[in-house]
Structures are given as C-alpha cells and as structure tokens.
Amino acid sequence: MFTLEQIKAAHAKVKSGADFPQYFENLKAFGLAWYETFIADGHTVYHGTDGYEITASARYATQAIANVIDPQQFEADLRAHQQGKTDFPTFCTQCAALGVSKWIVRMDLRTCTYYDRHGNIVLTEKIPTRSSK
C-alpha cells in the first residue's frame, strides 16, 4: 500500500492548482481510492482498498470556517487557483473565508467535491486528464 512519504513526495511537485491533474494521476498510481482534506488545519485522510487508511497531520494553524458559503466567489477563486494564480495555502485561506470546509477526491469517479461546514455540497468537478490541460 501507499505511504505518507510517497504522497508527500508527489505533493512536493505541486506548485499550484494547475499541477493537480498530474498529482491526481500519481496518487491513483499509488493505489489510493479516495481522500478527504479538511480546510480548518489542512490535514488529509487517505483511503485505499480494504479499509487501509493513513492520515497526514495538520499543515498549518487552525483557521475558522465561515458560516455562510459564497459559491460564486469560491468558484472564481478555484478557477484562479487551477490556472496557477494562487498557491495551496492561499487557496485554503480563501476556502475558509468563503465557507468551504473540506473536499473529497474520488479516484474512481475522477471527481473533487467541495463541502460547506454543514456537509452540503458546494461544487463537484470532474478532474481533467493530463492530456486535457
């Protein structure tokens, strides 16, 4: 199964959201089934097959998640991040301020779904293949 060291090495190559499709492919090749990232502190829980799970520790100090979601601004900030205009910490700060509390990436569906603090879906996106960048 995959290790945190493998995941960290793959993540170290990600400079912005523009690099995400390649990161996704790397994680999928490691055998990940899905993972969940929590905006409050940046920790991620990675899930493999047969209940295999590892957790990466918090990446930054805890930040508050806004009570009210601003979906239009979130989508604009997400697009800017995907175009390489912001780094990961900036994007996470934007998510928190706009009411996004976590995202779940599903390898089988090639989706990334963003949620508010109440568990409501804010946005689900298809993850592009490397060739469709």
C-alpha atoms as a PDB file:
ATOM      1  CA  MET A   1       0.000   0.000   0.000  1.00  0.00           C
ATOM      2  CA  PHE A   2       0.945   3.647  -0.270  1.00  0.00           C
ATOM      3  CA  THR A   3       2.879   5.619   2.333  1.00  0.00           C
ATOM      4  CA  LEU A   4       2.817   9.192   3.555  1.00  0.00           C
ATOM      5  CA  GLU A   5       6.335   9.582   2.190  1.00  0.00           C
ATOM      6  CA  GLN A   6       5.131   8.728  -1.341  1.00  0.00           C
ATOM      7  CA  ILE A   7       2.246  11.174  -1.033  1.00  0.00           C
ATOM      8  CA  LYS A   8       4.465  13.946   0.339  1.00  0.00           C
ATOM      9  CA  ALA A   9       6.964  13.452  -2.495  1.00  0.00           C
ATOM     10  CA  ALA A  10       4.160  13.718  -5.080  1.00  0.00           C
ATOM     11  CA  HIS A  11       2.682  16.761  -3.339  1.00  0.00           C
ATOM     12  CA  ALA A  12       6.070  18.488  -3.236  1.00  0.00           C
ATOM     13  CA  LYS A  13       5.887  18.728  -7.027  1.00  0.00           C
ATOM     14  CA  VAL A  14       2.589  20.654  -6.885  1.00  0.00           C
ATOM     15  CA  LYS A  15       3.109  24.412  -7.094  1.00  0.00           C
ATOM     16  CA  SER A  16      -0.487  25.405  -7.897  1.00  0.00           C
ATOM     17  CA  GLY A  17      -3.850  24.005  -8.919  1.00  0.00           C
ATOM     18  CA  ALA A  18      -2.563  23.766 -12.476  1.00  0.00           C
ATOM     19  CA  ASP A  19      -0.413  20.833 -11.331  1.00  0.00           C
ATOM     20  CA  PHE A  20      -3.336  18.945  -9.797  1.00  0.00           C
ATOM     21  CA  PRO A  21      -4.150  16.565 -12.694  1.00  0.00           C
ATOM     22  CA  GLN A  22      -0.623  15.119 -12.571  1.00  0.00           C
ATOM     23  CA  TYR A  23      -0.767  14.886  -8.762  1.00  0.00           C
ATOM     24  CA  PHE A  24      -4.081  13.024  -9.075  1.00  0.00           C
ATOM     25  CA  GLU A  25      -2.522  10.532 -11.514  1.00  0.00           C
ATOM     26  CA  ASN A  26       0.412   9.947  -9.161  1.00  0.00           C
ATOM     27  CA  LEU A  27      -1.871   9.276  -6.188  1.00  0.00           C
ATOM     28  CA  LYS A  28      -4.073   6.983  -8.248  1.00  0.00           C
ATOM     29  CA  ALA A  29      -0.986   5.012  -9.310  1.00  0.00           C
ATOM     30  CA  PHE A  30      -0.083   4.552  -5.619  1.00  0.00           C
ATOM     31  CA  GLY A  31      -3.426   2.786  -5.061  1.00  0.00           C
ATOM     32  CA  LEU A  32      -5.473   5.500  -3.388  1.00  0.00           C
ATOM     33  CA  ALA A  33      -9.243   5.063  -3.630  1.00  0.00           C
ATOM     34  CA  TRP A  34     -10.171   8.498  -2.258  1.00  0.00           C
ATOM     35  CA  TYR A  35      -9.027  11.177   0.139  1.00  0.00           C
ATOM     36  CA  GLU A  36     -10.514  13.931   2.245  1.00  0.00           C
ATOM     37  CA  THR A  37      -8.795  17.253   3.007  1.00  0.00           C
ATOM     38  CA  PHE A  38     -10.009  19.426   5.885  1.00  0.00           C
ATOM     39  CA  ILE A  39      -9.597  23.178   5.416  1.00  0.00           C
ATOM     40  CA  ALA A  40      -9.577  24.060   9.133  1.00  0.00           C
ATOM     41  CA  ASP A  41      -5.993  22.794   9.560  1.00  0.00           C
ATOM     42  CA  GLY A  42      -5.063  21.188   6.237  1.00  0.00           C
ATOM     43  CA  HIS A  43      -4.893  17.583   7.451  1.00  0.00           C
ATOM     44  CA  THR A  44      -5.810  14.878   4.961  1.00  0.00           C
ATOM     45  CA  VAL A  45      -7.082  11.332   5.386  1.00  0.00           C
ATOM     46  CA  TYR A  46      -6.057   8.993   2.553  1.00  0.00           C
ATOM     47  CA  HIS A  47      -8.076   5.826   1.881  1.00  0.00           C
ATOM     48  CA  GLY A  48      -7.004   2.758  -0.003  1.00  0.00           C
ATOM     49  CA  THR A  49      -8.692  -0.569  -0.536  1.00  0.00           C
ATOM     50  CA  ASP A  50      -9.843  -2.950   2.188  1.00  0.00           C
ATOM     51  CA  GLY A  51     -10.111  -0.196   4.793  1.00  0.00           C
ATOM     52  CA  TYR A  52      -6.464   0.892   4.540  1.00  0.00           C
ATOM     53  CA  GLU A  53      -6.158   4.483   5.790  1.00  0.00           C
ATOM     54  CA  ILE A  54      -3.402   6.895   6.739  1.00  0.00           C
ATOM     55  CA  THR A  55      -3.652  10.467   7.974  1.00  0.00           C
ATOM     56  CA  ALA A  56      -1.320  13.337   7.201  1.00  0.00           C
ATOM     57  CA  SER A  57      -1.008  15.795  10.060  1.00  0.00           C
ATOM     58  CA  ALA A  58      -2.146  19.413  10.046  1.00  0.00           C
ATOM     59  CA  ARG A  59      -0.314  21.645   7.584  1.00  0.00           C
ATOM     60  CA  TYR A  60      -0.997  24.997   9.262  1.00  0.00           C
ATOM     61  CA  ALA A  61      -2.570  26.626  12.322  1.00  0.00           C
ATOM     62  CA  THR A  62      -6.298  26.110  12.704  1.00  0.00           C
ATOM     63  CA  GLN A  63      -8.434  28.664  10.908  1.00  0.00           C
ATOM     64  CA  ALA A  64     -12.144  29.335  11.253  1.00  0.00           C
ATOM     65  CA  ILE A  65     -14.534  28.287   8.508  1.00  0.00           C
ATOM     66  CA  ALA A  66     -17.137  30.917   7.613  1.00  0.00           C
ATOM     67  CA  ASN A  67     -20.720  30.001   8.469  1.00  0.00           C
ATOM     68  CA  VAL A  68     -22.122  31.172   5.155  1.00  0.00           C
ATOM     69  CA  ILE A  69     -20.912  29.920   1.802  1.00  0.00           C
ATOM     70  CA  ASP A  70     -20.202  32.279  -1.089  1.00  0.00           C
ATOM     71  CA  PRO A  71     -20.365  29.860  -4.039  1.00  0.00           C
ATOM     72  CA  GLN A  72     -19.763  32.422  -6.775  1.00  0.00           C
ATOM     73  CA  GLN A  73     -16.607  33.819  -5.193  1.00  0.00           C
ATOM     74  CA  PHE A  74     -15.441  30.308  -4.310  1.00  0.00           C
ATOM     75  CA  GLU A  75     -15.763  29.216  -7.921  1.00  0.00           C
ATOM     76  CA  ALA A  76     -13.861  32.313  -9.097  1.00  0.00           C
ATOM     77  CA  ASP A  77     -11.063  31.642  -6.574  1.00  0.00           C
ATOM     78  CA  LEU A  78     -10.991  27.960  -7.542  1.00  0.00           C
ATOM     79  CA  ARG A  79     -10.605  28.846 -11.234  1.00  0.00           C
ATOM     80  CA  ALA A  80      -7.761  31.244 -10.407  1.00  0.00           C
ATOM     81  CA  HIS A  81      -6.076  28.517  -8.348  1.00  0.00           C
ATOM     82  CA  GLN A  82      -6.484  25.972 -11.144  1.00  0.00           C
ATOM     83  CA  GLN A  83      -4.826  28.426 -13.527  1.00  0.00           C
ATOM     84  CA  GLY A  84      -1.799  28.654 -11.245  1.00  0.00           C
ATOM     85  CA  LYS A  85      -2.555  32.135  -9.883  1.00  0.00           C
ATOM     86  CA  THR A  86      -2.527  31.073  -6.198  1.00  0.00           C
ATOM     87  CA  ASP A  87      -0.608  28.573  -4.105  1.00  0.00           C
ATOM     88  CA  PHE A  88      -2.141  25.912  -1.841  1.00  0.00           C
ATOM     89  CA  PRO A  89      -2.030  27.894   1.447  1.00  0.00           C
ATOM     90  CA  THR A  90      -3.677  30.902  -0.214  1.00  0.00           C
ATOM     91  CA  PHE A  91      -6.393  28.718  -1.717  1.00  0.00           C
ATOM     92  CA  CYS A  92      -7.095  27.103   1.677  1.00  0.00           C
ATOM     93  CA  THR A  93      -7.392  30.518   3.325  1.00  0.00           C
ATOM     94  CA  GLN A  94      -9.817  31.588   0.603  1.00  0.00           C
ATOM     95  CA  CYS A  95     -11.853  28.403   1.078  1.00  0.00           C
ATOM     96  CA  ALA A  96     -12.179  29.009   4.823  1.00  0.00           C
ATOM     97  CA  ALA A  97     -13.236  32.637   4.343  1.00  0.00           C
ATOM     98  CA  LEU A  98     -15.850  31.583   1.782  1.00  0.00           C
ATOM     99  CA  GLY A  99     -17.349  28.771   3.868  1.00  0.00           C
ATOM    100  CA  VAL A 100     -15.760  25.691   2.271  1.00  0.00           C
ATOM    101  CA  SER A 101     -14.745  23.241   4.999  1.00  0.00           C
ATOM    102  CA  LYS A 102     -13.369  20.249   3.082  1.00  0.00           C
ATOM    103  CA  TRP A 103     -13.069  18.446  -0.204  1.00  0.00           C
ATOM    104  CA  ILE A 104     -13.196  14.797  -1.161  1.00  0.00           C
ATOM    105  CA  VAL A 105     -11.356  13.449  -4.196  1.00  0.00           C
ATOM    106  CA  ARG A 106     -12.651  10.167  -5.621  1.00  0.00           C
ATOM    107  CA  MET A 107     -10.226   8.332  -7.890  1.00  0.00           C
ATOM    108  CA  ASP A 108     -12.869   6.039  -9.405  1.00  0.00           C
ATOM    109  CA  LEU A 109     -15.158   8.899 -10.437  1.00  0.00           C
ATOM    110  CA  ARG A 110     -12.347  11.406 -11.160  1.00  0.00           C
ATOM    111  CA  THR A 111     -14.186  13.990  -9.081  1.00  0.00           C
ATOM    112  CA  CYS A 112     -13.385  16.568  -6.452  1.00  0.00           C
ATOM    113  CA  THR A 113     -16.376  17.578  -4.332  1.00  0.00           C
ATOM    114  CA  TYR A 114     -16.263  20.626  -2.058  1.00  0.00           C
ATOM    115  CA  TYR A 115     -18.442  20.830   1.064  1.00  0.00           C
ATOM    116  CA  ASP A 116     -19.559  23.532   3.476  1.00  0.00           C
ATOM    117  CA  ARG A 117     -19.316  23.155   7.251  1.00  0.00           C
ATOM    118  CA  HIS A 118     -22.782  21.542   7.362  1.00  0.00           C
ATOM    119  CA  GLY A 119     -21.870  18.789   4.902  1.00  0.00           C
ATOM    120  CA  ASN A 120     -23.722  20.326   1.965  1.00  0.00           C
ATOM    121  CA  ILE A 121     -22.140  20.015  -1.470  1.00  0.00           C
ATOM    122  CA  VAL A 122     -20.868  23.348  -2.762  1.00  0.00           C
ATOM    123  CA  LEU A 123     -19.432  22.111  -6.057  1.00  0.00           C
ATOM    124  CA  THR A 124     -18.432  18.856  -7.737  1.00  0.00           C
ATOM    125  CA  GLU A 125     -15.886  18.941 -10.533  1.00  0.00           C
ATOM    126  CA  LYS A 126     -14.551  16.349 -12.915  1.00  0.00           C
ATOM    127  CA  ILE A 127     -10.771  16.082 -12.731  1.00  0.00           C
ATOM    128  CA  PRO A 128      -9.259  16.542 -16.168  1.00  0.00           C
ATOM    129  CA  THR A 129      -6.824  14.069 -17.622  1.00  0.00           C
ATOM    130  CA  ARG A 130      -3.270  15.227 -18.174  1.00  0.00           C
ATOM    131  CA  SER A 131      -3.859  15.481 -21.907  1.00  0.00           C
ATOM    132  CA  SER A 132      -6.849  17.830 -21.498  1.00  0.00           C
ATOM    133  CA  LYS A 133      -4.895  20.565 -19.694  1.00  0.00           C
END
